[in-house]
Amino acid sequence: MADRSPAMFVDDERSTMMGLLRFQRESFVRKVIGVTDADAATSPVPSGTTLLWLTNHLADAESIWVLARFAGIDAAPFGSDHAPTIHAAIARY
């Protein structure tokens, strides 16, 4: 699958940030769509990182930084609601 480049934004900060965030989400989801739960839970690297963990981590990071820090909305504690399947983790993200 070919990588894409984000669109060039000539807009205010909020619109630019939201556009880049949308690009990040769409790019990542394109990479993990169709991965089986078994493959998503398997770590191909010595660190033990899995695609399932990474997908949940991105959802947590977005929740904390965008919702809690920038918007002031209460967010679930980091790692408290990890999805058990890749499909559920993608939906959460």
N, C-alpha and C. Protein backbone atom coordinates (compact mmCIF):
# COMPACT_ATOMS: atom_id res chain seq x y z
N MET A 1 0.85 -1.17 0.00
CA MET A 1 0.00 0.00 0.00
C MET A 1 0.90 1.24 0.00
N ALA A 2 0.64 2.13 -0.90
CA ALA A 2 1.45 3.34 -1.02
C ALA A 2 1.11 4.33 0.08
N ASP A 3 2.13 4.99 0.58
CA ASP A 3 1.92 6.04 1.56
C ASP A 3 1.37 7.28 0.87
N ARG A 4 0.64 8.07 1.61
CA ARG A 4 0.11 9.33 1.09
C ARG A 4 0.74 10.47 1.86
N SER A 5 0.68 11.65 1.32
CA SER A 5 1.16 12.85 2.00
C SER A 5 -0.06 13.66 2.43
N PRO A 6 0.05 14.35 3.57
CA PRO A 6 -1.08 15.17 4.00
C PRO A 6 -1.28 16.34 3.04
N ALA A 7 -2.50 16.79 2.96
CA ALA A 7 -2.82 17.96 2.13
C ALA A 7 -2.14 19.19 2.72
N MET A 8 -1.87 20.15 1.90
CA MET A 8 -1.33 21.42 2.39
C MET A 8 -2.50 22.25 2.91
N PHE A 9 -2.35 22.75 4.12
CA PHE A 9 -3.42 23.53 4.73
C PHE A 9 -3.03 25.00 4.76
N VAL A 10 -3.92 25.83 4.30
CA VAL A 10 -3.76 27.28 4.40
C VAL A 10 -5.03 27.74 5.10
N ASP A 11 -5.00 27.63 6.42
CA ASP A 11 -6.20 27.89 7.19
C ASP A 11 -5.79 28.27 8.61
N ASP A 12 -6.75 28.47 9.47
CA ASP A 12 -6.46 28.79 10.86
C ASP A 12 -5.89 27.56 11.58
N GLU A 13 -5.34 27.77 12.77
CA GLU A 13 -4.68 26.68 13.51
C GLU A 13 -5.61 25.51 13.78
N ARG A 14 -6.81 25.79 14.21
CA ARG A 14 -7.75 24.71 14.55
C ARG A 14 -8.05 23.85 13.33
N SER A 15 -8.37 24.48 12.22
CA SER A 15 -8.68 23.72 11.00
C SER A 15 -7.48 22.91 10.54
N THR A 16 -6.30 23.49 10.64
CA THR A 16 -5.08 22.78 10.25
C THR A 16 -4.86 21.57 11.15
N MET A 17 -4.98 21.77 12.48
CA MET A 17 -4.78 20.67 13.41
C MET A 17 -5.80 19.56 13.18
N MET A 18 -7.05 19.92 12.99
CA MET A 18 -8.09 18.91 12.78
C MET A 18 -7.87 18.17 11.45
N GLY A 19 -7.42 18.87 10.43
CA GLY A 19 -7.14 18.23 9.16
C GLY A 19 -5.98 17.25 9.26
N LEU A 20 -4.93 17.64 9.97
CA LEU A 20 -3.78 16.74 10.15
C LEU A 20 -4.15 15.55 11.03
N LEU A 21 -4.96 15.78 12.04
CA LEU A 21 -5.41 14.68 12.90
C LEU A 21 -6.26 13.69 12.09
N ARG A 22 -7.14 14.20 11.26
CA ARG A 22 -7.97 13.34 10.40
C ARG A 22 -7.07 12.54 9.45
N PHE A 23 -6.05 13.19 8.87
CA PHE A 23 -5.12 12.50 7.98
C PHE A 23 -4.40 11.38 8.73
N GLN A 24 -3.95 11.66 9.96
CA GLN A 24 -3.26 10.65 10.78
C GLN A 24 -4.16 9.45 11.03
N ARG A 25 -5.40 9.72 11.45
CA ARG A 25 -6.35 8.64 11.71
C ARG A 25 -6.59 7.79 10.46
N GLU A 26 -6.92 8.46 9.37
CA GLU A 26 -7.24 7.74 8.13
C GLU A 26 -6.05 6.92 7.64
N SER A 27 -4.85 7.48 7.74
CA SER A 27 -3.65 6.77 7.29
C SER A 27 -3.40 5.52 8.12
N PHE A 28 -3.53 5.64 9.43
CA PHE A 28 -3.30 4.49 10.30
C PHE A 28 -4.37 3.42 10.08
N VAL A 29 -5.62 3.83 10.04
CA VAL A 29 -6.71 2.86 9.87
C VAL A 29 -6.57 2.13 8.54
N ARG A 30 -6.16 2.82 7.49
CA ARG A 30 -5.94 2.15 6.19
C ARG A 30 -4.91 1.03 6.32
N LYS A 31 -3.95 1.19 7.21
CA LYS A 31 -2.89 0.19 7.37
C LYS A 31 -3.37 -1.04 8.15
N VAL A 32 -4.32 -0.88 9.06
CA VAL A 32 -4.72 -2.00 9.91
C VAL A 32 -6.07 -2.63 9.54
N ILE A 33 -6.82 -1.99 8.66
CA ILE A 33 -8.10 -2.57 8.21
C ILE A 33 -7.81 -3.93 7.58
N GLY A 34 -8.56 -4.93 7.97
CA GLY A 34 -8.40 -6.26 7.39
C GLY A 34 -7.43 -7.15 8.13
N VAL A 35 -6.71 -6.62 9.12
CA VAL A 35 -5.82 -7.44 9.93
C VAL A 35 -6.67 -8.30 10.85
N THR A 36 -6.35 -9.56 10.97
CA THR A 36 -7.12 -10.45 11.85
C THR A 36 -6.80 -10.15 13.31
N ASP A 37 -7.69 -10.57 14.20
CA ASP A 37 -7.44 -10.38 15.63
C ASP A 37 -6.17 -11.12 16.06
N ALA A 38 -5.96 -12.30 15.50
CA ALA A 38 -4.76 -13.07 15.85
C ALA A 38 -3.50 -12.33 15.42
N ASP A 39 -3.50 -11.80 14.19
CA ASP A 39 -2.33 -11.05 13.73
C ASP A 39 -2.15 -9.75 14.51
N ALA A 40 -3.26 -9.09 14.84
CA ALA A 40 -3.19 -7.83 15.58
C ALA A 40 -2.64 -8.03 16.99
N ALA A 41 -2.82 -9.21 17.54
CA ALA A 41 -2.35 -9.50 18.90
C ALA A 41 -0.96 -10.11 18.92
N THR A 42 -0.37 -10.33 17.75
CA THR A 42 0.96 -10.93 17.65
C THR A 42 2.00 -9.83 17.51
N SER A 43 3.08 -9.95 18.25
CA SER A 43 4.14 -8.96 18.17
C SER A 43 5.27 -9.44 17.28
N PRO A 44 5.57 -8.69 16.22
CA PRO A 44 6.68 -9.06 15.34
C PRO A 44 8.01 -8.43 15.76
N VAL A 45 8.00 -7.70 16.87
CA VAL A 45 9.20 -6.98 17.31
C VAL A 45 9.57 -7.36 18.74
N PRO A 46 10.85 -7.25 19.10
CA PRO A 46 11.29 -7.63 20.44
C PRO A 46 10.62 -6.85 21.58
N SER A 47 10.14 -5.64 21.30
CA SER A 47 9.53 -4.83 22.36
C SER A 47 8.19 -5.38 22.83
N GLY A 48 7.57 -6.26 22.03
CA GLY A 48 6.27 -6.80 22.38
C GLY A 48 5.10 -5.97 21.87
N THR A 49 5.37 -4.88 21.17
CA THR A 49 4.32 -4.03 20.64
C THR A 49 3.49 -4.78 19.60
N THR A 50 2.17 -4.66 19.72
CA THR A 50 1.26 -5.28 18.75
C THR A 50 0.44 -4.19 18.06
N LEU A 51 -0.16 -4.54 16.94
CA LEU A 51 -1.04 -3.59 16.26
C LEU A 51 -2.26 -3.26 17.11
N LEU A 52 -2.75 -4.24 17.87
CA LEU A 52 -3.89 -4.00 18.76
C LEU A 52 -3.51 -2.99 19.84
N TRP A 53 -2.35 -3.19 20.46
CA TRP A 53 -1.89 -2.25 21.49
C TRP A 53 -1.70 -0.86 20.89
N LEU A 54 -1.08 -0.78 19.72
CA LEU A 54 -0.81 0.51 19.09
C LEU A 54 -2.10 1.24 18.74
N THR A 55 -3.10 0.53 18.26
CA THR A 55 -4.38 1.15 17.93
C THR A 55 -5.05 1.70 19.19
N ASN A 56 -5.05 0.92 20.27
CA ASN A 56 -5.60 1.41 21.54
C ASN A 56 -4.79 2.59 22.07
N HIS A 57 -3.48 2.53 21.92
CA HIS A 57 -2.60 3.61 22.38
C HIS A 57 -2.92 4.92 21.65
N LEU A 58 -3.11 4.85 20.34
CA LEU A 58 -3.45 6.05 19.59
C LEU A 58 -4.78 6.63 20.04
N ALA A 59 -5.75 5.77 20.32
CA ALA A 59 -7.05 6.25 20.82
C ALA A 59 -6.88 6.92 22.18
N ASP A 60 -6.07 6.33 23.05
CA ASP A 60 -5.79 6.94 24.36
C ASP A 60 -5.11 8.29 24.22
N ALA A 61 -4.08 8.34 23.38
CA ALA A 61 -3.32 9.58 23.21
C ALA A 61 -4.21 10.69 22.67
N GLU A 62 -5.04 10.37 21.70
CA GLU A 62 -5.94 11.38 21.15
C GLU A 62 -6.93 11.84 22.21
N SER A 63 -7.45 10.91 22.97
CA SER A 63 -8.40 11.25 24.02
C SER A 63 -7.77 12.19 25.05
N ILE A 64 -6.57 11.87 25.47
CA ILE A 64 -5.91 12.69 26.49
C ILE A 64 -5.52 14.05 25.94
N TRP A 65 -4.85 14.09 24.80
CA TRP A 65 -4.33 15.36 24.30
C TRP A 65 -5.40 16.23 23.67
N VAL A 66 -6.26 15.67 22.87
CA VAL A 66 -7.25 16.50 22.18
C VAL A 66 -8.45 16.80 23.06
N LEU A 67 -9.04 15.75 23.64
CA LEU A 67 -10.25 15.97 24.44
C LEU A 67 -9.94 16.61 25.79
N ALA A 68 -9.03 16.01 26.54
CA ALA A 68 -8.78 16.48 27.90
C ALA A 68 -7.95 17.76 27.93
N ARG A 69 -6.80 17.76 27.27
CA ARG A 69 -5.90 18.91 27.36
C ARG A 69 -6.39 20.14 26.60
N PHE A 70 -6.81 19.95 25.35
CA PHE A 70 -7.21 21.10 24.53
C PHE A 70 -8.65 21.51 24.77
N ALA A 71 -9.56 20.54 24.83
CA ALA A 71 -10.99 20.86 24.92
C ALA A 71 -11.50 20.92 26.35
N GLY A 72 -10.73 20.39 27.31
CA GLY A 72 -11.15 20.41 28.70
C GLY A 72 -12.27 19.43 29.02
N ILE A 73 -12.47 18.43 28.17
CA ILE A 73 -13.51 17.42 28.38
C ILE A 73 -12.91 16.27 29.18
N ASP A 74 -13.67 15.74 30.13
CA ASP A 74 -13.19 14.59 30.89
C ASP A 74 -12.93 13.42 29.96
N ALA A 75 -11.76 12.82 30.10
CA ALA A 75 -11.40 11.65 29.28
C ALA A 75 -11.15 10.48 30.21
N ALA A 76 -11.39 9.28 29.71
CA ALA A 76 -11.13 8.07 30.50
C ALA A 76 -9.64 8.00 30.82
N PRO A 77 -9.28 7.47 31.99
CA PRO A 77 -7.86 7.33 32.33
C PRO A 77 -7.14 6.49 31.27
N PHE A 78 -5.88 6.83 31.04
CA PHE A 78 -5.07 6.17 30.01
C PHE A 78 -5.10 4.66 30.20
N GLY A 79 -5.49 3.94 29.16
CA GLY A 79 -5.48 2.48 29.18
C GLY A 79 -6.65 1.83 29.89
N SER A 80 -7.62 2.62 30.34
CA SER A 80 -8.71 2.05 31.14
C SER A 80 -9.78 1.34 30.32
N ASP A 81 -9.87 1.66 29.05
CA ASP A 81 -10.94 1.05 28.25
C ASP A 81 -10.42 0.48 26.93
N HIS A 82 -9.30 -0.22 26.99
CA HIS A 82 -8.74 -0.82 25.78
C HIS A 82 -9.70 -1.83 25.18
N ALA A 83 -9.84 -1.76 23.87
CA ALA A 83 -10.70 -2.69 23.14
C ALA A 83 -10.00 -4.04 23.00
N PRO A 84 -10.74 -5.14 23.09
CA PRO A 84 -10.12 -6.47 23.03
C PRO A 84 -9.88 -7.01 21.62
N THR A 85 -10.48 -6.36 20.60
CA THR A 85 -10.29 -6.83 19.23
C THR A 85 -9.83 -5.66 18.37
N ILE A 86 -9.21 -5.97 17.24
CA ILE A 86 -8.73 -4.90 16.35
C ILE A 86 -9.90 -4.11 15.79
N HIS A 87 -11.01 -4.78 15.46
CA HIS A 87 -12.18 -4.07 14.94
C HIS A 87 -12.72 -3.08 15.98
N ALA A 88 -12.82 -3.51 17.22
CA ALA A 88 -13.30 -2.64 18.29
C ALA A 88 -12.31 -1.51 18.57
N ALA A 89 -11.03 -1.79 18.48
CA ALA A 89 -10.01 -0.76 18.70
C ALA A 89 -10.07 0.30 17.60
N ILE A 90 -10.28 -0.12 16.36
CA ILE A 90 -10.41 0.84 15.25
C ILE A 90 -11.64 1.71 15.47
N ALA A 91 -12.75 1.11 15.88
CA ALA A 91 -13.97 1.87 16.14
C ALA A 91 -13.75 2.87 17.28
N ARG A 92 -13.00 2.47 18.28
CA ARG A 92 -12.69 3.34 19.42
C ARG A 92 -11.83 4.52 18.99
N TYR A 93 -10.94 4.27 18.05
CA TYR A 93 -10.03 5.31 17.56
C TYR A 93 -10.77 6.26 16.64
